[in-house]
């Protein structure tokens, strides 16, 4: 059985592109670690993660340009066939 999860994260508005990307990256890393832990808890999961989209959008606030980064990751996982065989 296969399942696909969509994981997404946006940054807060930041003064630089680098800061916005770093914040979004930290957030998505955290979310993927949690998802990996859940897969491990369920036992025997084979999984892969691929970036579906990422972007940085400039936003203006009272003359100052800020940047918001967004990331979407598609995570596909499948139960290990050996575990399915063991269960019957």
PDB file of N, CA and C in Angstrom:
ATOM      1  N   UNK A   1       0.837  -1.175   0.000  1.00  0.00           N
ATOM      2  CA  UNK A   1       0.000   0.000   0.000  1.00  0.00           C
ATOM      3  C   UNK A   1       0.885   1.242   0.000  1.00  0.00           C
ATOM      4  N   UNK A   2       0.642   2.150  -0.915  1.00  0.00           N
ATOM      5  CA  UNK A   2       1.400   3.404  -0.987  1.00  0.00           C
ATOM      6  C   UNK A   2       0.543   4.555  -0.481  1.00  0.00           C
ATOM      7  N   UNK A   3       1.213   5.554   0.032  1.00  0.00           N
ATOM      8  CA  UNK A   3       0.537   6.752   0.514  1.00  0.00           C
ATOM      9  C   UNK A   3       1.405   7.949   0.183  1.00  0.00           C
ATOM     10  N   UNK A   4       0.805   9.073  -0.169  1.00  0.00           N
ATOM     11  CA  UNK A   4       1.546  10.300  -0.447  1.00  0.00           C
ATOM     12  C   UNK A   4       1.087  11.361   0.540  1.00  0.00           C
ATOM     13  N   UNK A   5       2.042  11.998   1.191  1.00  0.00           N
ATOM     14  CA  UNK A   5       1.769  13.106   2.101  1.00  0.00           C
ATOM     15  C   UNK A   5       2.357  14.376   1.494  1.00  0.00           C
ATOM     16  N   UNK A   6       1.651  15.473   1.620  1.00  0.00           N
ATOM     17  CA  UNK A   6       2.162  16.768   1.189  1.00  0.00           C
ATOM     18  C   UNK A   6       2.571  17.542   2.431  1.00  0.00           C
ATOM     19  N   UNK A   7       3.824  17.969   2.458  1.00  0.00           N
ATOM     20  CA  UNK A   7       4.346  18.735   3.585  1.00  0.00           C
ATOM     21  C   UNK A   7       4.676  20.124   3.057  1.00  0.00           C
ATOM     22  N   UNK A   8       4.162  21.150   3.708  1.00  0.00           N
ATOM     23  CA  UNK A   8       4.444  22.502   3.232  1.00  0.00           C
ATOM     24  C   UNK A   8       4.833  23.392   4.396  1.00  0.00           C
ATOM     25  N   UNK A   9       5.594  24.413   4.085  1.00  0.00           N
ATOM     26  CA  UNK A   9       6.058  25.348   5.112  1.00  0.00           C
ATOM     27  C   UNK A   9       6.293  26.704   4.462  1.00  0.00           C
ATOM     28  N   UNK A  10       5.918  27.759   5.159  1.00  0.00           N
ATOM     29  CA  UNK A  10       6.252  29.114   4.731  1.00  0.00           C
ATOM     30  C   UNK A  10       7.028  29.794   5.843  1.00  0.00           C
ATOM     31  N   UNK A  11       7.860  30.729   5.445  1.00  0.00           N
ATOM     32  CA  UNK A  11       8.602  31.508   6.433  1.00  0.00           C
ATOM     33  C   UNK A  11       7.770  32.716   6.841  1.00  0.00           C
ATOM     34  N   UNK A  12       8.171  33.348   7.910  1.00  0.00           N
ATOM     35  CA  UNK A  12       7.658  34.665   8.231  1.00  0.00           C
ATOM     36  C   UNK A  12       8.317  35.651   7.274  1.00  0.00           C
ATOM     37  N   UNK A  13       7.772  36.846   7.113  1.00  0.00           N
ATOM     38  CA  UNK A  13       8.455  37.839   6.286  1.00  0.00           C
ATOM     39  C   UNK A  13       9.840  38.154   6.869  1.00  0.00           C
ATOM     40  N   UNK A  14      10.866  38.103   6.018  1.00  0.00           N
ATOM     41  CA  UNK A  14      12.251  38.336   6.439  1.00  0.00           C
ATOM     42  C   UNK A  14      12.861  39.456   5.605  1.00  0.00           C
ATOM     43  N   UNK A  15      13.889  40.073   6.134  1.00  0.00           N
ATOM     44  CA  UNK A  15      14.515  41.201   5.441  1.00  0.00           C
ATOM     45  C   UNK A  15      15.419  40.774   4.295  1.00  0.00           C
ATOM     46  N   UNK A  16      15.832  39.494   4.261  1.00  0.00           N
ATOM     47  CA  UNK A  16      16.668  39.005   3.160  1.00  0.00           C
ATOM     48  C   UNK A  16      16.117  37.685   2.628  1.00  0.00           C
ATOM     49  N   UNK A  17      16.457  37.404   1.382  1.00  0.00           N
ATOM     50  CA  UNK A  17      16.073  36.129   0.774  1.00  0.00           C
ATOM     51  C   UNK A  17      16.706  34.975   1.552  1.00  0.00           C
ATOM     52  N   UNK A  18      17.982  35.135   1.904  1.00  0.00           N
ATOM     53  CA  UNK A  18      18.700  34.072   2.627  1.00  0.00           C
ATOM     54  C   UNK A  18      18.025  33.745   3.954  1.00  0.00           C
ATOM     55  N   UNK A  19      17.600  34.765   4.674  1.00  0.00           N
ATOM     56  CA  UNK A  19      16.947  34.537   5.964  1.00  0.00           C
ATOM     57  C   UNK A  19      15.603  33.826   5.777  1.00  0.00           C
ATOM     58  N   UNK A  20      14.854  34.217   4.751  1.00  0.00           N
ATOM     59  CA  UNK A  20      13.564  33.572   4.485  1.00  0.00           C
ATOM     60  C   UNK A  20      13.759  32.102   4.118  1.00  0.00           C
ATOM     61  N   UNK A  21      14.743  31.824   3.263  1.00  0.00           N
ATOM     62  CA  UNK A  21      15.020  30.441   2.875  1.00  0.00           C
ATOM     63  C   UNK A  21      15.489  29.605   4.061  1.00  0.00           C
ATOM     64  N   UNK A  22      16.344  30.183   4.895  1.00  0.00           N
ATOM     65  CA  UNK A  22      16.854  29.450   6.062  1.00  0.00           C
ATOM     66  C   UNK A  22      15.715  29.098   7.017  1.00  0.00           C
ATOM     67  N   UNK A  23      14.812  30.040   7.245  1.00  0.00           N
ATOM     68  CA  UNK A  23      13.688  29.770   8.144  1.00  0.00           C
ATOM     69  C   UNK A  23      12.774  28.682   7.576  1.00  0.00           C
ATOM     70  N   UNK A  24      12.473  28.760   6.288  1.00  0.00           N
ATOM     71  CA  UNK A  24      11.625  27.739   5.666  1.00  0.00           C
ATOM     72  C   UNK A  24      12.317  26.374   5.696  1.00  0.00           C
ATOM     73  N   UNK A  25      13.623  26.352   5.451  1.00  0.00           N
ATOM     74  CA  UNK A  25      14.376  25.086   5.462  1.00  0.00           C
ATOM     75  C   UNK A  25      14.371  24.450   6.848  1.00  0.00           C
ATOM     76  N   UNK A  26      14.578  25.265   7.886  1.00  0.00           N
ATOM     77  CA  UNK A  26      14.537  24.724   9.254  1.00  0.00           C
ATOM     78  C   UNK A  26      13.161  24.129   9.549  1.00  0.00           C
ATOM     79  N   UNK A  27      12.129  24.821   9.133  1.00  0.00           N
ATOM     80  CA  UNK A  27      10.767  24.344   9.381  1.00  0.00           C
ATOM     81  C   UNK A  27      10.455  23.053   8.647  1.00  0.00           C
ATOM     82  N   UNK A  28      10.837  22.978   7.372  1.00  0.00           N
ATOM     83  CA  UNK A  28      10.538  21.763   6.606  1.00  0.00           C
ATOM     84  C   UNK A  28      11.366  20.595   7.117  1.00  0.00           C
ATOM     85  N   UNK A  29      12.622  20.851   7.521  1.00  0.00           N
ATOM     86  CA  UNK A  29      13.449  19.787   8.109  1.00  0.00           C
ATOM     87  C   UNK A  29      12.790  19.223   9.364  1.00  0.00           C
ATOM     88  N   UNK A  30      12.285  20.106  10.200  1.00  0.00           N
ATOM     89  CA  UNK A  30      11.606  19.688  11.429  1.00  0.00           C
ATOM     90  C   UNK A  30      10.380  18.834  11.101  1.00  0.00           C
ATOM     91  N   UNK A  31       9.566  19.308  10.159  1.00  0.00           N
ATOM     92  CA  UNK A  31       8.350  18.578   9.797  1.00  0.00           C
ATOM     93  C   UNK A  31       8.668  17.206   9.209  1.00  0.00           C
ATOM     94  N   UNK A  32       9.720  17.128   8.379  1.00  0.00           N
ATOM     95  CA  UNK A  32      10.094  15.838   7.792  1.00  0.00           C
ATOM     96  C   UNK A  32      10.644  14.878   8.842  1.00  0.00           C
ATOM     97  N   UNK A  33      11.372  15.407   9.832  1.00  0.00           N
ATOM     98  CA  UNK A  33      11.838  14.543  10.932  1.00  0.00           C
ATOM     99  C   UNK A  33      10.652  13.953  11.680  1.00  0.00           C
ATOM    100  N   UNK A  34       9.652  14.779  11.967  1.00  0.00           N
ATOM    101  CA  UNK A  34       8.457  14.284  12.661  1.00  0.00           C
ATOM    102  C   UNK A  34       7.734  13.229  11.830  1.00  0.00           C
ATOM    103  N   UNK A  35       7.613  13.470  10.542  1.00  0.00           N
ATOM    104  CA  UNK A  35       6.951  12.512   9.664  1.00  0.00           C
ATOM    105  C   UNK A  35       7.744  11.209   9.596  1.00  0.00           C
ATOM    106  N   UNK A  36       9.065  11.301   9.514  1.00  0.00           N
ATOM    107  CA  UNK A  36       9.919  10.108   9.517  1.00  0.00           C
ATOM    108  C   UNK A  36       9.773   9.316  10.793  1.00  0.00           C
ATOM    109  N   UNK A  37       9.666  10.013  11.918  1.00  0.00           N
ATOM    110  CA  UNK A  37       9.467   9.347  13.203  1.00  0.00           C
ATOM    111  C   UNK A  37       8.145   8.587  13.213  1.00  0.00           C
ATOM    112  N   UNK A  38       7.116   9.187  12.646  1.00  0.00           N
ATOM    113  CA  UNK A  38       5.810   8.519  12.571  1.00  0.00           C
ATOM    114  C   UNK A  38       5.890   7.280  11.682  1.00  0.00           C
ATOM    115  N   UNK A  39       6.593   7.376  10.561  1.00  0.00           N
ATOM    116  CA  UNK A  39       6.756   6.207   9.690  1.00  0.00           C
ATOM    117  C   UNK A  39       7.491   5.097  10.432  1.00  0.00           C
ATOM    118  N   UNK A  40       8.548   5.461  11.163  1.00  0.00           N
ATOM    119  CA  UNK A  40       9.307   4.472  11.938  1.00  0.00           C
ATOM    120  C   UNK A  40       8.426   3.811  12.996  1.00  0.00           C
ATOM    121  N   UNK A  41       7.588   4.607  13.640  1.00  0.00           N
ATOM    122  CA  UNK A  41       6.697   4.088  14.676  1.00  0.00           C
ATOM    123  C   UNK A  41       5.738   3.045  14.101  1.00  0.00           C
ATOM    124  N   UNK A  42       5.290   3.272  12.865  1.00  0.00           N
ATOM    125  CA  UNK A  42       4.383   2.325  12.220  1.00  0.00           C
ATOM    126  C   UNK A  42       5.111   1.062  11.783  1.00  0.00           C
ATOM    127  N   UNK A  43       6.415   1.132  11.664  1.00  0.00           N
ATOM    128  CA  UNK A  43       7.233  -0.042  11.364  1.00  0.00           C
ATOM    129  C   UNK A  43       7.381  -0.360   9.894  1.00  0.00           C
ATOM    130  N   UNK A  44       8.645  -0.521   9.493  1.00  0.00           N
ATOM    131  CA  UNK A  44       8.950  -1.041   8.176  1.00  0.00           C
ATOM    132  C   UNK A  44       8.526  -0.209   6.992  1.00  0.00           C
ATOM    133  N   UNK A  45       8.607   1.075   7.105  1.00  0.00           N
ATOM    134  CA  UNK A  45       8.181   1.921   6.003  1.00  0.00           C
ATOM    135  C   UNK A  45       9.348   2.257   5.080  1.00  0.00           C
ATOM    136  N   UNK A  46       9.123   2.169   3.779  1.00  0.00           N
ATOM    137  CA  UNK A  46      10.065   2.637   2.773  1.00  0.00           C
ATOM    138  C   UNK A  46       9.533   3.978   2.300  1.00  0.00           C
ATOM    139  N   UNK A  47      10.347   5.039   2.378  1.00  0.00           N
ATOM    140  CA  UNK A  47       9.814   6.332   2.001  1.00  0.00           C
ATOM    141  C   UNK A  47      10.838   7.174   1.275  1.00  0.00           C
ATOM    142  N   UNK A  48      10.323   8.142   0.508  1.00  0.00           N
ATOM    143  CA  UNK A  48      11.157   9.066  -0.250  1.00  0.00           C
ATOM    144  C   UNK A  48      10.485  10.431  -0.231  1.00  0.00           C
ATOM    145  N   UNK A  49      11.305  11.476  -0.247  1.00  0.00           N
ATOM    146  CA  UNK A  49      10.793  12.847  -0.265  1.00  0.00           C
ATOM    147  C   UNK A  49      11.369  13.576  -1.473  1.00  0.00           C
ATOM    148  N   UNK A  50      10.503  14.311  -2.169  1.00  0.00           N
ATOM    149  CA  UNK A  50      10.928  15.093  -3.325  1.00  0.00           C
ATOM    150  C   UNK A  50      10.314  16.478  -3.243  1.00  0.00           C
ATOM    151  N   UNK A  51      11.119  17.488  -3.564  1.00  0.00           N
ATOM    152  CA  UNK A  51      10.612  18.852  -3.588  1.00  0.00           C
ATOM    153  C   UNK A  51       9.615  18.998  -4.728  1.00  0.00           C
ATOM    154  N   UNK A  52       8.423  19.460  -4.412  1.00  0.00           N
ATOM    155  CA  UNK A  52       7.406  19.693  -5.431  1.00  0.00           C
ATOM    156  C   UNK A  52       7.450  21.142  -5.906  1.00  0.00           C
ATOM    157  N   UNK A  53       7.777  22.052  -4.997  1.00  0.00           N
ATOM    158  CA  UNK A  53       7.817  23.467  -5.347  1.00  0.00           C
ATOM    159  C   UNK A  53       8.564  24.236  -4.269  1.00  0.00           C
ATOM    160  N   UNK A  54       9.219  25.288  -4.677  1.00  0.00           N
ATOM    161  CA  UNK A  54       9.803  26.226  -3.724  1.00  0.00           C
ATOM    162  C   UNK A  54       9.879  27.592  -4.397  1.00  0.00           C
ATOM    163  N   UNK A  55       9.643  28.611  -3.620  1.00  0.00           N
ATOM    164  CA  UNK A  55       9.635  29.960  -4.176  1.00  0.00           C
ATOM    165  C   UNK A  55       9.927  30.974  -3.085  1.00  0.00           C
ATOM    166  N   UNK A  56      10.400  32.132  -3.496  1.00  0.00           N
ATOM    167  CA  UNK A  56      10.554  33.274  -2.599  1.00  0.00           C
ATOM    168  C   UNK A  56       9.752  34.413  -3.206  1.00  0.00           C
ATOM    169  N   UNK A  57       8.875  34.989  -2.410  1.00  0.00           N
ATOM    170  CA  UNK A  57       8.002  36.057  -2.883  1.00  0.00           C
ATOM    171  C   UNK A  57       8.324  37.353  -2.154  1.00  0.00           C
ATOM    172  N   UNK A  58       8.622  38.423  -2.902  1.00  0.00           N
ATOM    173  CA  UNK A  58       8.830  39.715  -2.243  1.00  0.00           C
ATOM    174  C   UNK A  58       7.477  40.323  -1.864  1.00  0.00           C
ATOM    175  N   UNK A  59       7.407  40.881  -0.687  1.00  0.00           N
ATOM    176  CA  UNK A  59       6.205  41.583  -0.231  1.00  0.00           C
ATOM    177  C   UNK A  59       6.633  42.947   0.292  1.00  0.00           C
ATOM    178  N   UNK A  60       5.814  43.943   0.048  1.00  0.00           N
ATOM    179  CA  UNK A  60       6.156  45.297   0.494  1.00  0.00           C
ATOM    180  C   UNK A  60       5.313  45.676   1.694  1.00  0.00           C
ATOM    181  N   UNK A  61       5.963  46.286   2.653  1.00  0.00           N
ATOM    182  CA  UNK A  61       5.281  46.756   3.849  1.00  0.00           C
ATOM    183  C   UNK A  61       5.797  48.153   4.162  1.00  0.00           C
ATOM    184  N   UNK A  62       4.980  49.132   3.883  1.00  0.00           N
ATOM    185  CA  UNK A  62       5.347  50.532   4.147  1.00  0.00           C
ATOM    186  C   UNK A  62       6.696  50.904   3.525  1.00  0.00           C
ATOM    187  N   UNK A  63       6.895  50.507   2.280  1.00  0.00           N
ATOM    188  CA  UNK A  63       8.109  50.886   1.571  1.00  0.00           C
ATOM    189  C   UNK A  63       9.267  49.920   1.719  1.00  0.00           C
ATOM    190  N   UNK A  64       9.237  49.071   2.735  1.00  0.00           N
ATOM    191  CA  UNK A  64      10.302  48.095   2.936  1.00  0.00           C
ATOM    192  C   UNK A  64       9.916  46.792   2.240  1.00  0.00           C
ATOM    193  N   UNK A  65      10.838  46.223   1.473  1.00  0.00           N
ATOM    194  CA  UNK A  65      10.578  44.939   0.832  1.00  0.00           C
ATOM    195  C   UNK A  65      11.035  43.819   1.749  1.00  0.00           C
ATOM    196  N   UNK A  66      10.126  42.915   2.019  1.00  0.00           N
ATOM    197  CA  UNK A  66      10.418  41.721   2.809  1.00  0.00           C
ATOM    198  C   UNK A  66      10.244  40.507   1.899  1.00  0.00           C
ATOM    199  N   UNK A  67      10.728  39.361   2.350  1.00  0.00           N
ATOM    200  CA  UNK A  67      10.691  38.155   1.531  1.00  0.00           C
ATOM    201  C   UNK A  67      10.077  37.000   2.321  1.00  0.00           C
ATOM    202  N   UNK A  68       9.198  36.267   1.654  1.00  0.00           N
ATOM    203  CA  UNK A  68       8.569  35.088   2.242  1.00  0.00           C
ATOM    204  C   UNK A  68       8.935  33.888   1.369  1.00  0.00           C
ATOM    205  N   UNK A  69       9.490  32.860   1.988  1.00  0.00           N
ATOM    206  CA  UNK A  69       9.839  31.630   1.273  1.00  0.00           C
ATOM    207  C   UNK A  69       8.774  30.577   1.541  1.00  0.00           C
ATOM    208  N   UNK A  70       8.488  29.788   0.532  1.00  0.00           N
ATOM    209  CA  UNK A  70       7.556  28.671   0.714  1.00  0.00           C
ATOM    210  C   UNK A  70       8.140  27.425   0.058  1.00  0.00           C
ATOM    211  N   UNK A  71       7.857  26.287   0.681  1.00  0.00           N
ATOM    212  CA  UNK A  71       8.380  25.000   0.219  1.00  0.00           C
ATOM    213  C   UNK A  71       7.254  23.974   0.295  1.00  0.00           C
ATOM    214  N   UNK A  72       7.129  23.164  -0.756  1.00  0.00           N
ATOM    215  CA  UNK A  72       6.201  22.035  -0.748  1.00  0.00           C
ATOM    216  C   UNK A  72       7.009  20.784  -1.067  1.00  0.00           C
ATOM    217  N   UNK A  73       6.872  19.771  -0.225  1.00  0.00           N
ATOM    218  CA  UNK A  73       7.577  18.503  -0.410  1.00  0.00           C
ATOM    219  C   UNK A  73       6.536  17.386  -0.462  1.00  0.00           C
ATOM    220  N   UNK A  74       6.669  16.518  -1.453  1.00  0.00           N
ATOM    221  CA  UNK A  74       5.804  15.345  -1.562  1.00  0.00           C
ATOM    222  C   UNK A  74       6.558  14.158  -0.974  1.00  0.00           C
ATOM    223  N   UNK A  75       5.953  13.500  -0.009  1.00  0.00           N
ATOM    224  CA  UNK A  75       6.571  12.344   0.633  1.00  0.00           C
ATOM    225  C   UNK A  75       5.730  11.115   0.287  1.00  0.00           C
ATOM    226  N   UNK A  76       6.378  10.140  -0.329  1.00  0.00           N
ATOM    227  CA  UNK A  76       5.718   8.891  -0.701  1.00  0.00           C
ATOM    228  C   UNK A  76       6.233   7.797   0.214  1.00  0.00           C
ATOM    229  N   UNK A  77       5.339   7.011   0.763  1.00  0.00           N
ATOM    230  CA  UNK A  77       5.818   5.883   1.552  1.00  0.00           C
ATOM    231  C   UNK A  77       4.989   4.643   1.287  1.00  0.00           C
ATOM    232  N   UNK A  78       5.645   3.525   1.491  1.00  0.00           N
ATOM    233  CA  UNK A  78       5.048   2.220   1.212  1.00  0.00           C
ATOM    234  C   UNK A  78       5.491   1.253   2.291  1.00  0.00           C
ATOM    235  N   UNK A  79       4.576   0.431   2.707  1.00  0.00           N
ATOM    236  CA  UNK A  79       4.914  -0.581   3.712  1.00  0.00           C
ATOM    237  C   UNK A  79       5.928  -1.548   3.120  1.00  0.00           C
ATOM    238  N   UNK A  80       6.903  -1.906   3.919  1.00  0.00           N
ATOM    239  CA  UNK A  80       7.930  -2.870   3.522  1.00  0.00           C
ATOM    240  C   UNK A  80       7.257  -4.206   3.205  1.00  0.00           C
ATOM    241  N   UNK A  81       7.495  -4.737   2.014  1.00  0.00           N
ATOM    242  CA  UNK A  81       6.854  -5.993   1.597  1.00  0.00           C
ATOM    243  C   UNK A  81       7.206  -7.158   2.507  1.00  0.00           C
ATOM    244  N   UNK A  82       8.417  -7.172   3.061  1.00  0.00           N
ATOM    245  CA  UNK A  82       8.818  -8.253   3.972  1.00  0.00           C
ATOM    246  C   UNK A  82       7.946  -8.254   5.222  1.00  0.00           C
ATOM    247  N   UNK A  83       7.603  -7.085   5.714  1.00  0.00           N
ATOM    248  CA  UNK A  83       6.741  -7.001   6.898  1.00  0.00           C
ATOM    249  C   UNK A  83       5.339  -7.481   6.544  1.00  0.00           C
ATOM    250  N   UNK A  84       4.837  -7.104   5.367  1.00  0.00           N
ATOM    251  CA  UNK A  84       3.523  -7.585   4.949  1.00  0.00           C
ATOM    252  C   UNK A  84       3.509  -9.106   4.870  1.00  0.00           C
ATOM    253  N   UNK A  85       4.589  -9.706   4.348  1.00  0.00           N
ATOM    254  CA  UNK A  85       4.673 -11.165   4.250  1.00  0.00           C
ATOM    255  C   UNK A  85       4.680 -11.815   5.629  1.00  0.00           C
ATOM    256  N   UNK A  86       5.381 -11.199   6.600  1.00  0.00           N
ATOM    257  CA  UNK A  86       5.458 -11.748   7.954  1.00  0.00           C
ATOM    258  C   UNK A  86       4.103 -11.743   8.652  1.00  0.00           C
ATOM    259  N   UNK A  87       3.271 -10.789   8.308  1.00  0.00           N
ATOM    260  CA  UNK A  87       1.985 -10.660   8.986  1.00  0.00           C
ATOM    261  C   UNK A  87       0.912 -11.541   8.352  1.00  0.00           C
ATOM    262  N   UNK A  88       1.251 -12.142   7.260  1.00  0.00           N
ATOM    263  CA  UNK A  88       0.284 -13.063   6.755  1.00  0.00           C
ATOM    264  C   UNK A  88      -0.198 -12.838   5.397  1.00  0.00           C
TER     265      UNK A  88
END
